[in-house]
Protein backbone atom coordinates (compact mmCIF):
# COMPACT_ATOMS: atom_id res chain seq x y z
CA MET A 1 141.62 -21.29 27.41
CA ARG A 2 143.78 -18.63 25.92
CA LYS A 3 141.36 -18.36 23.01
CA LYS A 4 138.49 -18.06 25.38
CA ASN A 5 140.28 -15.50 27.37
CA HIS A 6 141.27 -13.79 24.21
CA THR A 7 137.71 -13.96 22.97
CA ARG A 8 136.50 -12.71 26.23
CA LYS A 9 138.92 -9.88 26.17
CA LYS A 10 137.93 -9.16 22.63
CA ASP A 11 134.29 -9.28 23.50
CA SER A 12 134.86 -7.08 26.53
CA GLY A 13 136.78 -4.67 24.32
CA ILE A 14 133.89 -4.49 21.88
CA LEU A 15 131.51 -4.03 24.72
CA ASN A 16 133.66 -1.34 26.07
CA ILE A 17 133.79 0.25 22.66
CA LEU A 18 130.09 -0.12 22.27
CA TYR A 19 129.52 1.15 25.74
CA GLN A 20 131.89 3.93 25.09
CA ASP A 21 130.10 4.70 21.84
CA PHE A 22 126.82 4.47 23.62
CA LYS A 23 128.12 6.72 26.28
CA ASN A 24 129.47 9.06 23.72
CA ASN A 25 126.19 8.96 21.87
CA GLN A 26 124.37 9.50 25.09
CA LYS A 27 126.66 12.34 25.94
CA SER A 28 126.23 13.69 22.46
CA LYS A 29 122.47 13.37 22.79
CA GLU A 30 122.60 14.86 26.17
CA LYS A 31 124.72 17.66 24.88
CA LYS A 32 122.34 18.14 22.00
CA GLU A 33 119.41 18.04 24.34
CA ILE A 34 121.22 20.35 26.71
CA LYS A 35 122.11 22.58 23.83
CA GLN A 36 118.57 22.42 22.55
CA ARG A 37 117.34 23.14 26.01
CA GLU A 38 119.85 25.90 26.38
CA ASP A 39 118.81 27.24 22.99
CA LYS A 40 115.23 26.91 23.99
CA VAL A 41 115.98 28.56 27.30
CA LYS A 42 117.92 31.21 25.48
CA LYS A 43 115.03 31.68 23.10
CA GLU A 44 112.63 31.79 26.00
CA PHE A 45 114.98 34.09 27.85
CA GLY A 46 115.26 36.15 24.70
CA LYS A 47 111.51 36.23 24.47
CA ILE A 48 111.34 37.16 28.12
CA LYS A 49 113.99 39.82 27.53
CA GLN A 50 112.07 40.99 24.52
CA LYS A 51 108.91 41.07 26.55
CA ASP A 52 110.77 42.85 29.31
CA LYS A 53 112.07 45.28 26.74
CA GLU A 54 108.59 45.68 25.37
CA ILE A 55 107.22 46.08 28.87
CA LYS A 56 109.97 48.55 29.66
CA LEU A 57 109.28 50.32 26.42
CA LYS A 58 105.63 50.32 27.23
CA GLU A 59 106.42 51.58 30.72
CA LYS A 60 108.67 54.22 29.23
CA GLU A 61 105.91 55.05 26.80
CA LEU A 62 103.47 55.22 29.64
CA LEU A 63 105.85 57.37 31.58
CA ARG A 64 106.35 59.51 28.53
CA LEU A 65 102.59 59.67 28.09
CA GLU A 66 102.16 60.53 31.74
CA GLU A 67 104.84 63.15 31.43
CA LEU A 68 103.14 64.40 28.31
CA ILE A 69 99.86 64.47 30.18
CA LYS A 70 101.54 66.23 33.05
CA LEU A 71 103.17 68.60 30.60
CA LYS A 72 99.84 69.18 28.96
CA GLU A 73 98.26 69.72 32.34
CA LYS A 74 101.07 72.09 33.23
CA GLU A 75 100.68 73.75 29.87
CA GLN A 76 96.94 73.92 30.48
CA LYS A 77 97.59 75.34 33.91
CA LEU A 78 100.11 77.73 32.44
CA ILE A 79 97.59 78.66 29.80
CA SER A 80 94.96 79.08 32.51
CA VAL A 81 97.42 81.04 34.64
CA GLU A 82 98.41 83.11 31.63
CA GLN A 83 94.75 83.60 30.88
CA ASP A 84 94.16 84.61 34.47
CA GLN A 85 97.20 86.83 34.32
CA ARG A 86 95.96 88.37 31.09
CA GLU A 87 92.54 88.85 32.67
CA ASN A 88 94.16 90.20 35.83
CA LYS A 89 96.35 92.39 33.70
CA ILE A 90 93.29 93.61 31.84
CA LYS A 91 91.52 94.17 35.15
CA LEU A 92 94.66 95.81 36.52
CA ASN A 93 94.85 98.01 33.45
CA GLU A 94 91.20 98.85 33.87
CA GLN A 95 91.77 99.57 37.55
CA ASN A 96 94.86 101.58 36.67
CA GLN A 97 92.80 103.46 34.13
CA ILE A 98 90.12 104.07 36.76
CA LEU A 99 92.81 105.10 39.24
CA ARG A 100 94.38 107.40 36.67
CA GLU A 101 90.98 108.91 36.00
CA LYS A 102 90.42 109.25 39.75
CA GLU A 103 93.91 110.70 40.15
CA GLN A 104 93.14 113.14 37.39
CA LYS A 105 89.90 114.06 39.11
CA ILE A 106 91.70 114.32 42.45
CA THR A 107 94.41 116.38 40.80
CA LYS A 108 91.76 118.65 39.34
CA LYS A 109 90.05 118.85 42.72
CA GLU A 110 93.39 119.51 44.44
CA GLN A 111 94.14 122.15 41.87
CA SER A 112 90.70 123.61 42.44
CA LEU A 113 91.21 123.37 46.21
CA LYS A 114 94.61 125.03 45.91
CA GLU A 115 93.06 127.79 43.87
CA ASP A 116 90.28 128.09 46.44
CA GLU A 117 92.86 128.05 49.24
CA LEU A 118 94.84 130.70 47.43
CA LYS A 119 91.71 132.78 47.00
CA LEU A 120 90.84 132.15 50.64
CA LYS A 121 94.34 133.17 51.72
CA GLU A 122 94.06 136.31 49.64
CA GLN A 123 90.67 136.98 51.18
CA ASN A 124 92.13 136.26 54.63
CA VAL A 125 94.96 138.66 53.95
CA ILE A 126 92.47 141.29 52.82
CA SER A 127 90.27 140.48 55.81
CA LYS A 128 93.27 140.68 58.16
CA GLU A 129 94.25 144.01 56.65
CA ASN A 130 90.68 145.22 57.09
CA ASP A 131 90.65 143.79 60.61
CA LEU A 132 93.94 145.56 61.29
CA LYS A 133 92.49 148.81 60.00
CA VAL A 134 89.38 148.27 62.08
CA ALA A 135 91.56 147.34 65.06
CA ASN A 136 93.59 150.52 64.60
CA ILE A 137 90.42 152.57 64.39
CA GLU A 138 89.02 150.70 67.40
CA GLN A 139 92.28 151.22 69.28
CA LYS A 140 92.18 154.94 68.52
CA ARG A 141 88.57 155.03 69.65
CA LYS A 142 89.49 153.13 72.82
CA ASP A 143 92.41 155.48 73.42
CA LYS A 144 90.06 158.43 73.08
CA GLU A 145 87.54 156.77 75.34
CA LEU A 146 90.30 155.96 77.82
CA LYS A 147 91.50 159.55 77.73
CA LEU A 148 87.95 160.77 78.18
CA LYS A 149 87.48 158.28 81.02
CA GLU A 150 90.71 159.43 82.63
CA GLU A 151 89.60 163.04 82.34
CA GLU A 152 86.18 162.06 83.64
CA GLN A 153 87.83 160.17 86.48
CA LYS A 154 90.01 163.17 87.29
CA ARG A 155 86.91 165.36 87.30
CA LYS A 156 85.13 162.81 89.47
CA ASP A 157 88.16 162.67 91.78
CA VAL A 158 88.08 166.45 92.08
CA ASP A 159 84.32 166.37 92.66
CA LEU A 160 84.78 163.61 95.17
CA LYS A 161 87.49 165.53 96.94
CA VAL A 162 85.27 168.62 97.01
CA ARG A 163 82.34 166.56 98.27
CA GLU A 164 84.58 164.92 100.85
CA GLU A 165 85.74 168.35 102.01
CA GLU A 166 82.14 169.53 102.09
CA GLN A 167 81.11 166.38 103.90
CA LYS A 168 83.98 166.82 106.33
CA ILE A 169 82.94 170.42 107.01
CA LYS A 170 79.33 169.33 107.29
CA GLU A 171 80.29 166.54 109.69
CA GLN A 172 82.38 168.96 111.74
CA ARG A 173 79.44 171.33 111.91
CA GLU A 174 77.11 168.49 112.75
CA ASN A 175 79.50 167.22 115.38
CA LYS A 176 79.72 170.69 116.90
CA ARG A 177 75.94 170.99 116.82
CA ARG A 178 75.55 167.57 118.37
CA TYR A 179 78.20 168.41 120.94
CA ARG A 180 76.42 171.61 121.89
CA LYS A 181 73.09 169.82 121.92
CA GLN A 182 74.50 166.98 124.00
CA LYS A 183 76.13 169.43 126.31
CA MET A 184 72.82 171.22 126.71
CA LEU A 185 71.07 167.91 127.26
CA ASP A 186 73.68 166.87 129.79
CA ARG A 187 73.32 170.19 131.53
CA GLN A 188 69.56 169.87 131.50
CA LYS A 189 69.82 166.34 132.81
CA GLN A 190 72.17 167.54 135.50
CA LEU A 191 69.79 170.34 136.36
CA ASP A 192 66.93 167.87 136.38
CA LYS A 193 68.97 165.56 138.56
CA ASP A 194 69.89 168.40 140.87
CA GLU A 195 66.29 169.53 141.02
CA GLU A 196 65.12 165.98 141.62
CA ALA A 197 67.79 165.47 144.24
CA LEU A 198 66.75 168.73 145.86
CA LYS A 199 63.12 167.66 145.80
CA ILE A 200 64.05 164.27 147.22
CA LYS A 201 66.16 165.93 149.87
CA GLU A 202 63.37 168.30 150.74
CA TRP A 203 60.92 165.40 150.81
CA GLU A 204 63.28 163.36 152.97
CA GLU A 205 63.78 166.25 155.33
CA LYS A 206 60.03 166.82 155.45
CA PHE A 207 59.46 163.08 155.93
CA GLU A 208 62.03 162.97 158.70
CA GLN A 209 60.39 165.94 160.38
CA GLU A 210 57.02 164.29 160.07
CA GLN A 211 58.44 161.06 161.42
CA LYS A 212 60.03 162.87 164.28
CA LEU A 213 56.74 164.55 165.07
CA ILE A 214 54.97 161.20 164.85
CA GLU A 215 57.60 159.55 167.02
CA GLU A 216 57.43 162.36 169.51
CA ARG A 217 53.67 162.02 169.57
CA GLU A 218 53.96 158.27 169.96
CA GLN A 219 56.51 158.69 172.71
CA GLN A 220 54.31 161.17 174.46
CA LYS A 221 51.42 158.77 174.13
CA GLU A 222 53.57 155.94 175.37
CA ILE A 223 54.79 157.99 178.26
CA ARG A 224 51.31 158.87 179.17
CA LEU A 225 50.22 155.29 178.88
CA ARG A 226 53.15 154.14 180.97
CA GLN A 227 52.37 156.69 183.60
CA LYS A 228 48.81 155.49 183.66
CA GLU A 229 49.94 151.88 183.84
CA LEU A 230 52.37 152.71 186.64
CA GLU A 231 49.66 154.33 188.49
CA GLN A 232 47.45 151.33 187.94
CA LEU A 233 50.25 148.99 189.02
CA LYS A 234 50.85 150.98 192.09
CA LEU A 235 47.18 150.88 192.78
CA ARG A 236 47.32 147.09 192.35
CA GLY A 237 50.02 146.94 195.02
CA LEU A 238 53.01 145.64 192.96
CA ASP A 239 56.57 146.24 194.24
CA ASP A 240 59.24 148.21 192.34
CA GLN A 241 61.02 145.13 190.91
CA GLN A 242 57.87 143.77 189.32
CA ILE A 243 57.06 147.21 187.97
CA GLN A 244 60.58 147.49 186.52
CA ASN A 245 60.28 144.06 184.81
CA GLU A 246 56.93 144.96 183.40
CA ASN A 247 58.34 148.22 182.09
CA SER A 248 61.30 146.41 180.46
CA SER A 249 58.97 143.99 178.69
CA ARG A 250 56.75 146.76 177.48
CA LEU A 251 59.80 148.78 176.35
CA GLU A 252 61.11 145.83 174.27
CA ASN A 253 57.71 145.40 172.64
CA PHE A 254 57.64 149.08 171.89
CA ASN A 255 61.12 149.04 170.31
CA VAL A 256 60.14 146.03 168.15
CA GLU A 257 57.00 147.75 166.95
CA LYS A 258 58.97 150.94 166.27
CA SER A 259 61.62 149.06 164.24
CA PHE A 260 58.92 147.30 162.27
CA LYS A 261 57.23 150.64 161.49
CA ASN A 262 60.54 152.23 160.44
């Protein structure tokens, strides 16, 4: 039993050793595989890194190329700008040249204008001097004319005064003549009036006399007629009262007719 146990223990020890070796081998294999894998991974990672580096390099190269392109474009633009600037400068120089030529022409014209202005001023001065001389001569002539006019006016004033005096004397004479004539006319009118009044008075007196004669004749006729009528009334046998009434009526009619005639 002890041998069996010992054998078993021995066998189990061998198995353990074998198992342990197997395990160790397995571990070793696993480690190798792991290491191989790690190496492979490292290689792959290295390749990836290399590719990344290459890609990065390519990207950098691309960026550099892009920058170069941009730089070239900028340089081209700068060249174009410089070209434009040179052309503009040329144009500006040409324009400046034209402006300088124009300025020279303007300067010449201004100089010519100044000379003309100077000549004109000189001519104006001469003209003003001549005008002043003419004005002095004209003023002297006007002074003479004014003096002559004043003398003429004085002479006219004297003549006017003489004429006014003559006119005044003439008017006084005319007024006296008119006064005398008017006085004579008034006297004649008064005489005519007096004569007319005298004639009217004489005519009135004559008319009154004639009227008195006519009235007297009428009265005499009326008296005679009344006497005849009284006689006839008496012959008709009327009393005194009736005769008196009849006489009153006839007398009223006679007075009315007489007033109407007058």
